[in-house]
Amino acid sequence: MTRPVIRLGDLRNSFEGVIPSIIGTIDDDGMPNISYLSHVYYIDETHVALSNQFFSKTAANVRRLGVATVMVVDALSGAQHLLDLQFEQSCDSGEVFERISTHLDVMSHLRGHEGLMKLKSADIYRVTQIREVLAAAPLAPPPEPRPHRDRISHAARIISAIGAEADSDTILDAALDGLRDEMAFRNLMVLLPNEDETVLTMVASRGYDRYGTGAEVPVGTGVIGMTAASKRPVLIADLTRARRYARAITGDTAQIPLPGLEAPQCQMAVPMMAKGRLRGVIFAESELSFAFTHEDEAALGLIANQLASCLLLADLQAQAVQPSIALPPAPDTDSRRFRFRYFLHDDSVFIDNEYLIRGVPGRLLYYFVRKFTESGQRDFSNREIRRDSSLRLPDFKDNLETRLILLRRRLDEKAGPLRLSRPERGQVRLEFDGLPDIEVVGAAPALP
């Protein structure tokens, strides 16, 4: 009976580093040498890459004879395979090098070994033969094969749904609902960078017992932050060896806790890129190891970039809209008053002594509230907001709409005395339950 041909792509579960691989080489005299590898990296159907962090003997043997044999182990099935390798080249820059370097940086951070796994170079090998190692005692019963999932069709439907929407709110919902319903990703969130790309702020989520809108993750911290820093996707198939997750994802001084699973086993994050810039990060996690595949990662990357482009387009279109002028009904203020505190040093807002938001969204809310108390204005257009120099908006003014989404959803989540509604596209309206007593910590700039 002819055994089926083994494709390198069929062994992707063996390349996740859950079970270390073994590399064997020989010297000029035929003396064997064995070393352990943390990862073997899949390049294509005929090539793999190894990080050049070997013991000197292994590196010397490879450089002299140009051949090696690696044994990889599938962490789900226990299947073992031998890969006969022919050395082709070593690289210290480029796509393969950057991908491996990013992965090592993430794993170093999650394991508490920052800076100890810096990549010197990536060695590219051609796989000349794949051989199955027959187990002396096979697993009983063997794990059931996972069903095939047509991720291209799923991604196409989600991208179509995103493209059919024109409003930023509905665009975000279409993306997250599609990932949940089409691709069965149960725990999701979208995070957007602040103006200097040092912090990511959570703006929408699915699958958690609390929303956490406004929660922050420092760029460069954890799977989410490392994805933002590198602008490259990160997939960790099994987090068993990376137990620093809780500290890595939430940061140390978060005003709003980030929602997350208590014991995640698999995490995936992809950057949202448009016009060459980071527009956000989509993050997914699961309590099951190997819940996400590299096909999932590729499909999510397509969706993330479509989401970034559609949000950018929606913001530009909202800027061009000239809303109709209508007199809103008088706010239902009754006799209630609430405390509104605004801190100039970081644009943070507290309502009745509870933290609400900071950064550009906090600055916007203070602007709206102050305008109302001084002139009674409650309706604001995107065009007007952009043109007001007192707001000190960042030079790149193509994400105002997403900042307003963050502010609006955070206000709705708090269910306090302030809300933002959208009477029409390109316009927001300030809604009150009571009247604010404004306190500014620091000297407030004068309104024009």
Protein backbone atom coordinates (compact mmCIF):
# COMPACT_ATOMS: atom_id res chain seq x y z
CA MET A 1 0.00 0.00 0.00
CA THR A 2 1.41 3.34 -1.08
CA ARG A 3 1.69 5.81 1.76
CA PRO A 4 0.28 9.27 1.06
CA VAL A 5 2.73 12.01 0.15
CA ILE A 6 3.47 14.24 3.14
CA ARG A 7 3.31 17.95 2.37
CA LEU A 8 5.24 20.45 4.44
CA GLY A 9 2.05 22.47 4.88
CA ASP A 10 0.45 19.46 6.58
CA LEU A 11 2.96 19.79 9.43
CA ARG A 12 2.15 23.34 10.54
CA ASN A 13 1.12 22.17 14.03
CA SER A 14 4.64 20.81 14.43
CA PHE A 15 6.12 24.28 13.89
CA GLU A 16 4.46 26.08 16.83
CA GLY A 17 7.21 25.38 19.35
CA VAL A 18 4.97 23.62 21.86
CA ILE A 19 7.29 20.59 21.79
CA PRO A 20 10.92 21.52 21.01
CA SER A 21 12.41 20.19 17.80
CA ILE A 22 15.75 18.39 17.53
CA ILE A 23 18.44 19.20 14.96
CA GLY A 24 21.11 16.68 14.05
CA THR A 25 24.34 17.40 12.17
CA ILE A 26 27.66 15.66 11.58
CA ASP A 27 31.22 16.94 11.38
CA ASP A 28 33.85 16.11 8.75
CA ASP A 29 34.68 12.86 10.56
CA GLY A 30 31.05 11.72 10.70
CA MET A 31 30.66 12.46 14.41
CA PRO A 32 26.99 13.34 15.10
CA ASN A 33 25.89 16.33 17.13
CA ILE A 34 22.40 16.89 18.54
CA SER A 35 20.83 20.18 19.71
CA TYR A 36 17.35 21.39 20.60
CA LEU A 37 15.43 24.07 18.72
CA SER A 38 12.57 26.13 20.11
CA HIS A 39 10.99 26.65 16.67
CA VAL A 40 11.11 25.60 13.06
CA TYR A 41 9.50 28.22 10.81
CA TYR A 42 7.44 27.31 7.76
CA ILE A 43 8.33 29.42 4.70
CA ASP A 44 6.66 27.61 1.81
CA GLU A 45 6.06 24.05 0.61
CA THR A 46 9.76 23.44 0.05
CA HIS A 47 11.51 25.66 2.59
CA VAL A 48 11.81 26.18 6.35
CA ALA A 49 13.81 28.67 8.38
CA LEU A 50 15.75 28.19 11.61
CA SER A 51 16.84 31.00 13.88
CA ASN A 52 20.62 31.12 14.04
CA GLN A 53 20.96 30.64 17.77
CA PHE A 54 22.63 27.24 17.68
CA PHE A 55 25.48 25.97 19.74
CA SER A 56 28.74 26.65 17.91
CA LYS A 57 29.19 22.98 16.98
CA THR A 58 25.86 22.81 15.16
CA ALA A 59 26.52 26.05 13.31
CA ALA A 60 30.02 24.92 12.31
CA ASN A 61 28.74 21.58 11.00
CA VAL A 62 26.04 23.26 8.92
CA ARG A 63 28.47 25.78 7.47
CA ARG A 64 30.97 23.04 6.45
CA LEU A 65 28.63 20.40 5.01
CA GLY A 66 25.43 22.37 4.36
CA VAL A 67 23.05 19.64 5.55
CA ALA A 68 21.06 18.85 8.68
CA THR A 69 18.17 16.72 9.83
CA VAL A 70 15.42 18.07 12.06
CA MET A 71 12.79 16.10 13.95
CA VAL A 72 9.50 17.93 14.57
CA VAL A 73 6.60 16.80 16.74
CA ASP A 74 2.89 17.62 16.29
CA ALA A 75 1.67 18.83 19.69
CA LEU A 76 -1.92 17.74 18.97
CA SER A 77 -1.43 14.25 17.53
CA GLY A 78 2.06 13.37 18.75
CA ALA A 79 3.12 12.53 15.19
CA GLN A 80 6.84 12.83 14.53
CA HIS A 81 8.56 13.62 11.24
CA LEU A 82 12.15 13.92 10.08
CA LEU A 83 13.04 16.74 7.69
CA ASP A 84 16.22 16.40 5.64
CA LEU A 85 17.52 19.93 5.04
CA GLN A 86 19.91 21.54 2.57
CA PHE A 87 21.25 24.93 3.66
CA GLU A 88 20.63 27.70 1.11
CA GLN A 89 21.26 31.09 2.68
CA SER A 90 21.44 33.16 5.83
CA CYS A 91 19.67 36.52 6.08
CA ASP A 92 19.76 39.32 8.65
CA SER A 93 17.00 41.44 7.10
CA GLY A 94 13.91 41.08 4.95
CA GLU A 95 10.45 39.56 5.39
CA VAL A 96 11.49 36.17 6.78
CA PHE A 97 13.97 37.70 9.21
CA GLU A 98 11.44 40.27 10.46
CA ARG A 99 8.71 37.67 10.92
CA ILE A 100 10.94 35.38 12.97
CA SER A 101 12.35 38.30 14.96
CA THR A 102 8.85 39.51 15.86
CA HIS A 103 7.83 36.03 16.98
CA LEU A 104 10.92 35.67 19.17
CA ASP A 105 10.30 39.10 20.70
CA VAL A 106 6.73 38.15 21.58
CA MET A 107 7.70 34.83 23.11
CA SER A 108 10.56 36.45 25.06
CA HIS A 109 8.16 39.01 26.50
CA LEU A 110 5.47 36.51 27.43
CA ARG A 111 7.99 34.25 29.15
CA GLY A 112 9.67 37.10 31.01
CA HIS A 113 12.95 36.94 29.10
CA GLU A 114 12.96 40.31 27.33
CA GLY A 115 16.07 40.83 25.25
CA LEU A 116 17.41 37.29 25.68
CA MET A 117 16.19 35.87 22.36
CA LYS A 118 17.32 38.57 19.92
CA LEU A 119 17.68 37.15 16.43
CA LYS A 120 21.11 37.38 14.81
CA SER A 121 20.13 35.85 11.50
CA ALA A 122 17.65 33.46 9.94
CA ASP A 123 18.95 30.42 8.05
CA ILE A 124 16.88 29.26 5.08
CA TYR A 125 16.86 25.55 4.23
CA ARG A 126 15.37 23.60 1.35
CA VAL A 127 13.51 20.50 2.53
CA THR A 128 14.79 17.63 0.42
CA GLN A 129 12.79 14.86 2.09
CA ILE A 130 10.07 14.36 4.72
CA ARG A 131 9.94 11.04 6.57
CA GLU A 132 7.34 9.90 9.07
CA VAL A 133 8.61 8.39 12.31
CA LEU A 134 6.42 5.42 13.14
CA ALA A 135 5.41 5.46 16.80
CA ALA A 136 6.17 2.38 18.90
CA ALA A 137 2.98 3.03 20.90
CA PRO A 138 0.52 5.20 18.90
CA LEU A 139 -1.96 7.37 20.75
CA ALA A 140 -5.23 5.55 21.42
CA PRO A 141 -7.62 6.72 20.29
CA PRO A 142 -5.93 9.06 17.80
CA PRO A 143 -7.25 12.63 17.79
CA GLU A 144 -10.08 13.26 15.36
CA PRO A 145 -9.10 15.39 12.38
CA ARG A 146 -10.45 18.91 12.53
CA PRO A 147 -13.04 19.82 9.88
CA HIS A 148 -11.84 21.80 6.89
CA ARG A 149 -12.87 25.44 7.03
CA ASP A 150 -13.08 27.50 3.86
CA ARG A 151 -11.61 30.68 5.26
CA ILE A 152 -11.42 32.44 1.90
CA SER A 153 -15.19 32.21 1.44
CA HIS A 154 -15.77 33.31 5.04
CA ALA A 155 -13.43 36.28 4.64
CA ALA A 156 -15.06 37.25 1.34
CA ARG A 157 -18.52 37.39 2.95
CA ILE A 158 -17.26 39.42 5.91
CA ILE A 159 -15.39 41.84 3.65
CA SER A 160 -18.53 42.24 1.54
CA ALA A 161 -20.59 43.00 4.65
CA ILE A 162 -18.05 45.58 5.83
CA GLY A 163 -17.97 47.24 2.43
CA ALA A 164 -21.75 47.52 2.33
CA GLU A 165 -21.79 49.85 5.34
CA ALA A 166 -21.06 53.58 5.29
CA ASP A 167 -21.13 54.50 8.98
CA SER A 168 -18.15 53.78 11.23
CA ASP A 169 -20.27 52.24 13.97
CA THR A 170 -21.98 49.78 11.64
CA ILE A 171 -18.69 49.01 9.88
CA LEU A 172 -17.15 47.92 13.20
CA ASP A 173 -20.22 45.86 14.10
CA ALA A 174 -20.26 44.18 10.68
CA ALA A 175 -16.63 43.11 11.12
CA LEU A 176 -17.01 41.74 14.64
CA ASP A 177 -20.38 40.09 14.00
CA GLY A 178 -19.01 38.48 10.86
CA LEU A 179 -15.96 37.11 12.65
CA ARG A 180 -18.20 35.70 15.36
CA ASP A 181 -20.91 34.26 13.11
CA GLU A 182 -18.96 33.28 9.99
CA MET A 183 -15.64 32.21 11.48
CA ALA A 184 -16.81 31.19 14.98
CA PHE A 185 -14.31 33.48 16.74
CA ARG A 186 -16.00 33.82 20.12
CA ASN A 187 -13.75 36.30 21.92
CA LEU A 188 -12.77 39.38 19.94
CA MET A 189 -11.80 43.00 20.30
CA VAL A 190 -10.72 45.91 18.13
CA LEU A 191 -8.21 48.42 19.47
CA LEU A 192 -7.16 51.75 17.97
CA PRO A 193 -3.83 53.59 18.47
CA ASN A 194 -3.62 57.01 20.07
CA GLU A 195 -2.18 59.94 18.16
CA ASP A 196 1.47 59.10 18.84
CA GLU A 197 0.97 55.32 18.57
CA THR A 198 2.19 54.61 22.10
CA VAL A 199 -1.09 53.20 23.42
CA LEU A 200 -3.93 51.16 21.95
CA THR A 201 -7.48 51.77 23.18
CA MET A 202 -10.22 49.14 23.01
CA VAL A 203 -13.23 50.44 21.07
CA ALA A 204 -15.38 47.34 20.43
CA SER A 205 -15.53 43.70 21.53
CA ARG A 206 -17.53 40.48 21.41
CA GLY A 207 -17.77 37.49 23.72
CA TYR A 208 -16.83 38.98 27.11
CA ASP A 209 -18.94 39.51 30.21
CA ARG A 210 -18.02 43.21 30.18
CA TYR A 211 -17.23 45.62 27.38
CA GLY A 212 -14.18 47.44 28.69
CA THR A 213 -14.50 50.25 26.16
CA GLY A 214 -11.60 52.65 26.68
CA ALA A 215 -9.25 50.04 28.16
CA GLU A 216 -5.64 50.59 27.11
CA VAL A 217 -2.70 48.41 26.10
CA PRO A 218 0.78 49.93 25.74
CA VAL A 219 2.33 49.42 22.32
CA GLY A 220 5.03 46.77 22.64
CA THR A 221 3.29 44.94 25.51
CA GLY A 222 1.82 41.46 25.10
CA VAL A 223 0.46 39.93 21.91
CA ILE A 224 -1.67 43.00 21.11
CA GLY A 225 1.03 45.55 21.79
CA MET A 226 3.74 43.60 19.97
CA THR A 227 1.51 43.32 16.92
CA ALA A 228 1.09 47.09 16.93
CA ALA A 229 4.81 47.70 17.43
CA SER A 230 5.89 45.35 14.64
CA LYS A 231 2.87 45.92 12.35
CA ARG A 232 2.93 42.16 11.77
CA PRO A 233 0.46 39.42 12.70
CA VAL A 234 1.16 37.30 15.77
CA LEU A 235 -0.28 33.83 16.36
CA ILE A 236 0.49 31.90 19.54
CA ALA A 237 -1.07 28.46 19.14
CA ASP A 238 -0.44 27.33 22.71
CA LEU A 239 0.18 29.63 25.68
CA THR A 240 1.04 26.91 28.17
CA ARG A 241 4.66 28.06 28.31
CA ALA A 242 3.79 31.77 28.48
CA ARG A 243 2.02 32.36 31.77
CA ARG A 244 2.76 36.09 32.02
CA TYR A 245 -0.36 36.70 29.95
CA ALA A 246 -2.37 38.59 32.58
CA ARG A 247 0.29 41.24 33.18
CA ALA A 248 1.31 41.39 29.55
CA ILE A 249 -2.11 42.18 28.15
CA THR A 250 -3.55 44.56 30.73
CA GLY A 251 -0.57 46.73 31.62
CA ASP A 252 0.19 47.83 35.16
CA THR A 253 -1.85 51.01 35.63
CA ALA A 254 -4.91 50.63 33.42
CA GLN A 255 -7.80 52.87 34.49
CA ILE A 256 -10.23 50.53 32.74
CA PRO A 257 -9.51 46.78 32.88
CA LEU A 258 -9.23 45.14 29.49
CA PRO A 259 -11.71 42.28 29.04
CA GLY A 260 -10.07 38.91 28.57
CA LEU A 261 -10.32 35.19 29.22
CA GLU A 262 -9.10 33.92 32.57
CA ALA A 263 -7.01 31.14 31.05
CA PRO A 264 -6.49 31.67 27.31
CA GLN A 265 -4.61 28.95 25.47
CA CYS A 266 -4.48 30.46 21.98
CA GLN A 267 -4.17 34.09 20.87
CA MET A 268 -4.02 35.83 17.53
CA ALA A 269 -3.62 39.50 16.67
CA VAL A 270 -3.33 41.18 13.28
CA PRO A 271 -2.60 44.82 12.42
CA MET A 272 -5.17 46.96 10.62
CA MET A 273 -3.18 48.76 7.93
CA ALA A 274 -4.31 51.47 5.47
CA LYS A 275 -2.25 53.95 3.48
CA GLY A 276 0.90 52.51 5.04
CA ARG A 277 -0.13 53.33 8.62
CA LEU A 278 -1.33 51.34 11.58
CA ARG A 279 -5.06 51.99 12.07
CA GLY A 280 -5.69 49.43 14.78
CA VAL A 281 -5.40 45.79 15.86
CA ILE A 282 -7.94 42.95 15.76
CA PHE A 283 -7.38 40.48 18.57
CA ALA A 284 -8.93 37.02 19.03
CA GLU A 285 -8.39 34.46 21.76
CA SER A 286 -9.66 31.05 22.80
CA GLU A 287 -9.56 28.71 25.77
CA LEU A 288 -8.53 25.90 23.38
CA SER A 289 -4.97 25.30 22.20
CA PHE A 290 -4.55 25.45 18.43
CA ALA A 291 -7.97 27.07 18.10
CA PHE A 292 -6.64 29.30 15.30
CA THR A 293 -4.71 28.21 12.26
CA HIS A 294 -2.43 30.07 9.91
CA GLU A 295 -5.32 30.09 7.44
CA ASP A 296 -7.31 31.94 10.11
CA GLU A 297 -4.43 34.39 10.50
CA ALA A 298 -4.27 35.05 6.74
CA ALA A 299 -8.05 35.52 6.47
CA LEU A 300 -8.12 37.82 9.49
CA GLY A 301 -5.37 39.90 7.90
CA LEU A 302 -7.51 40.48 4.81
CA ILE A 303 -10.48 41.45 6.97
CA ALA A 304 -8.38 43.75 9.16
CA ASN A 305 -7.07 45.73 6.22
CA GLN A 306 -10.55 46.05 4.73
CA LEU A 307 -11.83 47.26 8.09
CA ALA A 308 -9.03 49.83 8.31
CA SER A 309 -9.72 51.13 4.80
CA CYS A 310 -13.47 51.35 5.31
CA LEU A 311 -13.10 53.20 8.63
CA LEU A 312 -10.72 55.64 6.99
CA LEU A 313 -13.10 56.20 4.08
CA ALA A 314 -16.07 56.67 6.43
CA ASP A 315 -14.14 59.29 8.37
CA LEU A 316 -13.24 61.20 5.21
CA GLN A 317 -16.84 61.05 3.97
CA ALA A 318 -18.17 62.27 7.32
CA GLN A 319 -15.77 65.21 7.08
CA ALA A 320 -17.31 66.20 3.73
CA VAL A 321 -20.93 66.07 4.94
CA GLN A 322 -22.60 69.39 5.68
CA PRO A 323 -25.31 68.50 8.22
CA SER A 324 -28.65 70.24 8.12
CA ILE A 325 -29.20 72.73 10.92
CA ALA A 326 -32.02 71.80 13.27
CA LEU A 327 -32.82 73.07 16.73
CA PRO A 328 -32.61 70.10 19.12
CA PRO A 329 -35.16 69.78 21.92
CA ALA A 330 -34.15 71.22 25.26
CA PRO A 331 -32.20 68.78 27.44
CA ASP A 332 -34.00 67.08 30.30
CA THR A 333 -31.91 68.63 33.03
CA ASP A 334 -34.47 68.56 35.90
CA SER A 335 -32.76 69.81 39.05
CA ARG A 336 -29.94 67.30 39.04
CA ARG A 337 -26.34 68.46 38.85
CA PHE A 338 -23.27 66.31 38.37
CA ARG A 339 -19.55 66.92 38.76
CA PHE A 340 -17.47 67.09 35.58
CA ARG A 341 -13.70 67.18 36.17
CA TYR A 342 -11.25 67.67 33.31
CA PHE A 343 -7.48 67.22 33.77
CA LEU A 344 -5.39 69.18 31.29
CA HIS A 345 -2.18 67.14 31.64
CA ASP A 346 -3.67 64.05 29.96
CA ASP A 347 -7.15 65.23 28.87
CA SER A 348 -8.79 62.80 31.28
CA VAL A 349 -12.41 63.22 32.36
CA PHE A 350 -14.04 62.14 35.63
CA ILE A 351 -17.81 62.29 36.17
CA ASP A 352 -18.97 62.25 39.79
CA ASN A 353 -15.42 61.18 40.76
CA GLU A 354 -15.42 58.13 38.43
CA TYR A 355 -12.90 57.87 35.64
CA LEU A 356 -14.45 58.02 32.17
CA ILE A 357 -11.91 58.55 29.36
CA ARG A 358 -8.72 60.38 28.47
CA GLY A 359 -6.71 61.54 25.47
CA VAL A 360 -8.37 62.96 22.38
CA PRO A 361 -11.84 61.56 23.30
CA GLY A 362 -11.61 63.26 26.70
CA ARG A 363 -10.58 66.52 25.08
CA LEU A 364 -13.53 66.29 22.71
CA LEU A 365 -16.01 65.67 25.51
CA TYR A 366 -14.72 68.63 27.51
CA TYR A 367 -15.05 70.78 24.38
CA PHE A 368 -18.68 69.70 23.86
CA VAL A 369 -19.65 70.25 27.50
CA ARG A 370 -17.95 73.62 27.72
CA LYS A 371 -19.53 74.82 24.48
CA PHE A 372 -22.94 73.87 25.84
CA THR A 373 -22.48 75.65 29.18
CA GLU A 374 -21.24 78.83 27.48
CA SER A 375 -23.54 79.06 24.45
CA GLY A 376 -26.12 76.28 24.67
CA GLN A 377 -24.69 74.49 21.62
CA ARG A 378 -25.41 70.78 21.56
CA ASP A 379 -24.97 69.81 17.91
CA PHE A 380 -21.48 69.52 16.43
CA SER A 381 -20.41 68.54 12.94
CA ASN A 382 -17.22 66.69 12.08
CA ARG A 383 -16.29 69.56 9.81
CA GLU A 384 -16.66 72.09 12.62
CA ILE A 385 -14.68 69.97 15.03
CA ARG A 386 -11.78 69.56 12.63
CA ARG A 387 -11.57 73.28 11.97
CA ASP A 388 -11.46 74.31 15.64
CA SER A 389 -7.82 74.91 16.54
CA SER A 390 -8.59 75.02 20.27
CA LEU A 391 -9.06 71.23 20.19
CA ARG A 392 -5.40 70.73 19.27
CA LEU A 393 -6.25 67.69 17.17
CA PRO A 394 -3.27 65.71 15.85
CA ASP A 395 -1.89 66.67 12.48
CA PHE A 396 -3.23 63.46 10.92
CA LYS A 397 -6.94 64.20 11.10
CA ASP A 398 -8.25 61.06 9.51
CA ASN A 399 -9.48 59.19 12.59
CA LEU A 400 -11.85 61.66 14.24
CA GLU A 401 -14.81 59.41 13.52
CA THR A 402 -13.28 56.46 15.38
CA ARG A 403 -12.45 58.72 18.36
CA LEU A 404 -16.10 59.76 18.46
CA ILE A 405 -17.14 56.08 18.33
CA LEU A 406 -14.89 55.35 21.30
CA LEU A 407 -16.31 58.28 23.24
CA ARG A 408 -19.90 57.48 22.36
CA ARG A 409 -19.61 53.80 23.29
CA ARG A 410 -17.79 54.59 26.52
CA LEU A 411 -20.55 57.00 27.56
CA ASP A 412 -23.22 54.43 26.72
CA GLU A 413 -21.37 51.77 28.71
CA LYS A 414 -21.16 54.01 31.79
CA ALA A 415 -24.88 54.90 31.52
CA GLY A 416 -24.22 58.23 33.24
CA PRO A 417 -25.68 61.71 32.83
CA LEU A 418 -23.94 62.39 29.48
CA ARG A 419 -24.46 60.70 26.13
CA LEU A 420 -23.63 61.33 22.49
CA SER A 421 -26.23 60.62 19.84
CA ARG A 422 -26.00 60.81 16.06
CA PRO A 423 -28.91 62.75 14.59
CA GLU A 424 -27.37 62.29 11.15
CA ARG A 425 -24.13 61.35 9.44
CA GLY A 426 -21.19 63.60 10.21
CA GLN A 427 -22.87 65.06 13.28
CA VAL A 428 -23.01 64.35 17.01
CA ARG A 429 -25.40 65.68 19.62
CA LEU A 430 -24.68 66.06 23.33
CA GLU A 431 -27.45 64.63 25.53
CA PHE A 432 -27.84 65.51 29.23
CA ASP A 433 -29.56 64.17 32.30
CA GLY A 434 -28.90 67.13 34.59
CA LEU A 435 -26.40 69.96 34.35
CA PRO A 436 -22.62 69.78 34.80
CA ASP A 437 -20.55 71.55 37.40
CA ILE A 438 -17.27 71.86 35.52
CA GLU A 439 -13.93 71.80 37.28
CA VAL A 440 -10.73 72.14 35.26
CA VAL A 441 -7.51 71.00 36.90
CA GLY A 442 -5.04 73.45 35.43
CA ALA A 443 -5.57 76.54 33.31
CA ALA A 444 -8.13 75.97 30.55
CA PRO A 445 -7.41 77.40 27.10
CA ALA A 446 -9.86 80.10 25.97
CA LEU A 447 -12.53 79.23 23.48
CA PRO A 448 -12.38 81.15 20.19
